[in-house]
Amino acid sequence: MQTYFDSAYIWGALPQLLSFLHVTFMVAGLSVLFGTILGFILAVMKLGTSKASIKIANGYTTILRCTPSIVLLFLVYYGLPAIASGTDLNHLDTSIYVVITFSLQFGAIMSEVMRTAYEAIDRGQYEAAVSVGLSPAQAFRRIVLPQASVVALPNFGNSLLELMKEGSLAYTIGLVDIMGKASLIISNNYNSHSLEIYLALSLIYWVLSILIEQFFSKLEKIFSKGKLVIKTT
């Protein structure tokens, strides 16, 4: 086996890895979409008055946040076919199991992000909006939601970064995204030049992480301008 370092393998692997970047984006995007919807439902349950709903939502969040991503991935991958014993799930694409796994996990995280963002807004603003004639729905949509979104934005960005990195574990059940493609390249090379392939993979993740971080940082500055104007007037 060749053990010397050859930087040419880094640049040669990049185009091959980037060709599977759309799979990584697809899985992350769908997980964020469904996870955000689930997180909103859980947040509403936590902020409600039903003790049973609060306990269920808090219990779900605790369990999911305490379960390692790779363990949850295997539970979904092997558990769903076991539960649906009368249904053949062998035809399902691997990406479906991955999306389900990270949607469940992202939903638990987002429920706390949304709950804390909502509770950070002064209740008096909502009451004042209703007192001047706005309906509760209008007061929430026009007053509470915009401010809560600004509060939640940094945590949402951090959660998205974590999701993207945790999503690299999907190769363990056969998903061929950029991580899965890296593993295939290394296998085809009989494990030679593994360091160069992983360095190429790291470069992609570094660039993506920096871009996402900068994007949310700019969004936060843009949306925070309104708050600064209010404070100075």
Protein backbone atom coordinates (compact mmCIF):
# COMPACT_ATOMS: atom_id res chain seq x y z
CA MET A 1 0.00 0.00 0.00
CA GLN A 2 1.30 3.46 -0.88
CA THR A 3 1.78 5.63 2.18
CA TYR A 4 3.39 8.81 0.79
CA PHE A 5 1.46 12.05 0.71
CA ASP A 6 0.45 13.32 -2.73
CA SER A 7 -1.46 16.62 -2.82
CA ALA A 8 -2.59 15.87 -6.38
CA TYR A 9 -5.12 13.45 -4.91
CA ILE A 10 -6.75 16.32 -3.01
CA TRP A 11 -7.45 18.35 -6.14
CA GLY A 12 -8.36 15.23 -8.09
CA ALA A 13 -10.92 14.17 -5.49
CA LEU A 14 -12.64 17.55 -5.18
CA PRO A 15 -14.62 17.36 -8.48
CA GLN A 16 -15.72 13.82 -7.66
CA LEU A 17 -16.91 14.83 -4.20
CA LEU A 18 -18.60 18.03 -5.37
CA SER A 19 -20.67 16.08 -7.88
CA PHE A 20 -22.50 14.52 -4.90
CA LEU A 21 -22.93 17.77 -2.99
CA HIS A 22 -26.54 18.03 -4.18
CA VAL A 23 -27.37 14.88 -2.20
CA THR A 24 -25.99 16.47 0.97
CA PHE A 25 -27.99 19.63 0.30
CA MET A 26 -31.17 17.67 -0.45
CA VAL A 27 -30.98 15.67 2.79
CA ALA A 28 -30.14 18.75 4.86
CA GLY A 29 -32.83 20.88 3.21
CA LEU A 30 -35.63 18.35 3.68
CA SER A 31 -34.53 17.64 7.25
CA VAL A 32 -34.62 21.35 8.05
CA LEU A 33 -38.05 21.74 6.43
CA PHE A 34 -39.74 18.83 8.19
CA GLY A 35 -37.77 19.37 11.38
CA THR A 36 -38.85 23.01 11.58
CA ILE A 37 -42.49 22.03 11.14
CA LEU A 38 -42.15 19.39 13.86
CA GLY A 39 -40.28 21.85 16.07
CA PHE A 40 -43.09 24.40 15.71
CA ILE A 41 -45.69 21.83 16.74
CA LEU A 42 -43.62 20.80 19.76
CA ALA A 43 -43.04 24.44 20.72
CA VAL A 44 -46.79 25.13 20.61
CA MET A 45 -47.33 22.10 22.85
CA LYS A 46 -44.70 23.35 25.32
CA LEU A 47 -46.21 26.82 25.44
CA GLY A 48 -49.76 25.55 25.79
CA THR A 49 -51.78 25.01 28.94
CA SER A 50 -52.23 21.24 28.67
CA LYS A 51 -49.97 19.50 31.18
CA ALA A 52 -50.08 16.27 29.17
CA SER A 53 -48.95 18.04 25.98
CA ILE A 54 -46.16 19.82 27.85
CA LYS A 55 -44.89 16.55 29.33
CA ILE A 56 -45.05 14.77 25.97
CA ALA A 57 -43.19 17.56 24.16
CA ASN A 58 -40.55 17.91 26.88
CA GLY A 59 -40.12 14.14 27.09
CA TYR A 60 -39.68 13.88 23.32
CA THR A 61 -37.12 16.70 23.31
CA THR A 62 -35.14 15.18 26.18
CA ILE A 63 -35.02 11.71 24.62
CA LEU A 64 -34.06 12.92 21.14
CA ARG A 65 -31.42 15.36 22.36
CA CYS A 66 -29.86 12.65 24.54
CA THR A 67 -29.70 10.09 21.72
CA PRO A 68 -26.49 10.16 19.61
CA SER A 69 -27.15 10.84 15.95
CA ILE A 70 -25.64 7.58 14.75
CA VAL A 71 -27.69 5.57 17.26
CA LEU A 72 -30.90 7.32 16.15
CA LEU A 73 -29.94 6.70 12.52
CA PHE A 74 -29.62 2.96 13.11
CA LEU A 75 -32.82 2.89 15.18
CA VAL A 76 -34.75 4.43 12.30
CA TYR A 77 -33.01 2.37 9.61
CA TYR A 78 -33.57 -0.97 11.34
CA GLY A 79 -36.57 -0.02 13.47
CA LEU A 80 -38.99 1.16 10.78
CA PRO A 81 -38.86 -2.12 8.79
CA ALA A 82 -39.27 -4.04 12.06
CA ILE A 83 -42.33 -1.99 13.06
CA ALA A 84 -43.84 -2.25 9.58
CA SER A 85 -43.36 -6.02 9.52
CA GLY A 86 -46.30 -6.51 7.20
CA THR A 87 -45.02 -3.96 4.68
CA ASP A 88 -42.01 -4.33 2.42
CA LEU A 89 -39.80 -1.28 2.91
CA ASN A 90 -36.81 -2.63 1.02
CA HIS A 91 -37.69 -0.45 -1.97
CA LEU A 92 -37.35 2.75 0.05
CA ASP A 93 -34.40 4.93 -0.81
CA THR A 94 -31.76 5.23 1.91
CA SER A 95 -32.12 9.00 1.86
CA ILE A 96 -35.67 8.65 3.25
CA TYR A 97 -34.37 7.04 6.43
CA VAL A 98 -31.74 9.76 6.72
CA VAL A 99 -34.29 12.55 6.30
CA ILE A 100 -36.62 10.97 8.87
CA THR A 101 -33.76 10.61 11.36
CA PHE A 102 -32.48 14.16 11.14
CA SER A 103 -35.98 15.64 10.91
CA LEU A 104 -36.79 14.01 14.24
CA GLN A 105 -33.56 15.28 15.76
CA PHE A 106 -33.76 18.76 14.26
CA GLY A 107 -37.37 19.07 15.40
CA ALA A 108 -36.36 18.48 19.01
CA ILE A 109 -33.68 21.16 18.79
CA MET A 110 -35.89 23.67 17.01
CA SER A 111 -38.67 23.26 19.55
CA GLU A 112 -36.35 24.67 22.21
CA VAL A 113 -35.07 27.39 19.87
CA MET A 114 -38.61 28.52 19.11
CA ARG A 115 -39.79 28.28 22.71
CA THR A 116 -36.95 30.35 24.11
CA ALA A 117 -37.25 32.90 21.29
CA TYR A 118 -40.96 33.34 21.96
CA GLU A 119 -40.45 33.68 25.71
CA ALA A 120 -37.72 36.28 25.13
CA ILE A 121 -40.29 38.73 23.72
CA ASP A 122 -41.96 41.01 26.24
CA ARG A 123 -45.53 39.86 26.74
CA GLY A 124 -46.59 43.49 27.11
CA GLN A 125 -46.02 44.12 23.41
CA TYR A 126 -48.52 41.44 22.48
CA GLU A 127 -51.07 42.74 24.98
CA ALA A 128 -50.60 46.33 23.76
CA ALA A 129 -51.13 45.25 20.13
CA VAL A 130 -54.36 43.46 21.04
CA SER A 131 -55.56 46.44 23.09
CA VAL A 132 -55.29 48.78 20.08
CA GLY A 133 -57.49 46.56 17.92
CA LEU A 134 -55.30 43.84 16.44
CA SER A 135 -56.58 40.29 16.64
CA PRO A 136 -54.43 37.78 18.56
CA ALA A 137 -53.33 36.23 15.27
CA GLN A 138 -52.39 39.64 13.81
CA ALA A 139 -50.54 40.62 16.98
CA PHE A 140 -48.54 37.41 16.87
CA ARG A 141 -47.80 37.67 13.15
CA ARG A 142 -46.91 41.39 13.08
CA ILE A 143 -45.38 41.98 16.51
CA VAL A 144 -44.17 38.78 18.15
CA LEU A 145 -43.08 36.64 15.19
CA PRO A 146 -40.67 39.16 13.56
CA GLN A 147 -38.89 39.81 16.86
CA ALA A 148 -38.81 36.13 17.84
CA SER A 149 -37.34 35.28 14.44
CA VAL A 150 -34.41 37.65 15.05
CA VAL A 151 -33.79 36.08 18.46
CA ALA A 152 -33.97 32.54 17.02
CA LEU A 153 -31.80 33.24 13.97
CA PRO A 154 -28.33 32.62 15.50
CA ASN A 155 -29.43 29.35 17.13
CA PHE A 156 -31.13 28.28 13.91
CA GLY A 157 -27.89 28.87 11.99
CA ASN A 158 -25.86 26.93 14.54
CA SER A 159 -28.36 24.06 14.43
CA LEU A 160 -28.16 24.00 10.64
CA LEU A 161 -24.37 23.77 10.79
CA GLU A 162 -24.58 20.88 13.26
CA LEU A 163 -27.15 19.12 11.09
CA MET A 164 -24.95 19.37 8.03
CA LYS A 165 -21.96 17.93 9.90
CA GLU A 166 -24.00 15.21 11.62
CA GLY A 167 -25.46 14.32 8.24
CA SER A 168 -22.08 12.94 7.21
CA LEU A 169 -22.92 9.88 9.35
CA ALA A 170 -25.49 8.84 6.74
CA TYR A 171 -22.78 7.00 4.79
CA THR A 172 -22.89 4.30 7.49
CA ILE A 173 -26.22 3.05 6.10
CA GLY A 174 -25.17 3.39 2.47
CA LEU A 175 -26.16 6.93 1.47
CA VAL A 176 -23.79 8.20 -1.20
CA ASP A 177 -23.40 11.90 -0.47
CA ILE A 178 -20.03 13.66 -0.33
CA MET A 179 -18.99 11.58 2.70
CA GLY A 180 -20.22 8.38 1.12
CA LYS A 181 -18.40 9.20 -2.11
CA ALA A 182 -15.19 9.84 -0.16
CA SER A 183 -15.48 6.39 1.40
CA LEU A 184 -16.02 4.82 -2.03
CA ILE A 185 -12.97 6.59 -3.46
CA ILE A 186 -10.82 5.37 -0.57
CA SER A 187 -12.13 1.80 -0.99
CA ASN A 188 -11.42 1.87 -4.72
CA ASN A 189 -7.88 3.02 -3.94
CA TYR A 190 -7.46 0.10 -1.52
CA ASN A 191 -7.23 2.57 1.38
CA SER A 192 -4.23 4.36 -0.08
CA HIS A 193 -4.09 8.17 0.03
CA SER A 194 -6.93 8.25 2.56
CA LEU A 195 -5.47 11.36 4.18
CA GLU A 196 -5.64 13.32 0.95
CA ILE A 197 -9.27 12.31 0.33
CA TYR A 198 -10.33 13.31 3.83
CA LEU A 199 -8.48 16.61 3.48
CA ALA A 200 -10.44 17.29 0.30
CA LEU A 201 -13.65 16.44 2.16
CA SER A 202 -12.63 18.73 5.02
CA LEU A 203 -12.06 21.61 2.60
CA ILE A 204 -15.61 21.27 1.32
CA TYR A 205 -17.08 21.23 4.82
CA TRP A 206 -14.91 24.16 5.91
CA VAL A 207 -16.05 26.30 2.98
CA LEU A 208 -19.70 25.35 3.46
CA SER A 209 -19.55 26.06 7.18
CA ILE A 210 -17.93 29.46 6.69
CA LEU A 211 -20.46 30.44 4.01
CA ILE A 212 -23.42 29.41 6.16
CA GLU A 213 -21.97 31.16 9.19
CA GLN A 214 -21.38 34.37 7.25
CA PHE A 215 -24.84 34.21 5.67
CA PHE A 216 -26.60 34.00 9.03
CA SER A 217 -24.32 36.63 10.51
CA LYS A 218 -25.33 39.08 7.76
CA LEU A 219 -29.00 38.18 8.16
CA GLU A 220 -28.78 38.83 11.88
CA LYS A 221 -27.22 42.26 11.28
CA ILE A 222 -29.87 43.15 8.70
CA PHE A 223 -32.81 42.11 10.89
CA SER A 224 -31.29 43.70 13.99
CA LYS A 225 -31.22 47.16 12.38
CA GLY A 226 -34.89 47.64 13.14
CA LYS A 227 -34.31 46.89 16.80
CA LEU A 228 -31.43 49.36 16.94
CA VAL A 229 -33.57 52.09 15.38
CA ILE A 230 -36.27 51.54 17.97
CA LYS A 231 -33.78 51.77 20.81
CA THR A 232 -32.29 55.04 19.58
CA THR A 233 -35.60 56.82 19.00
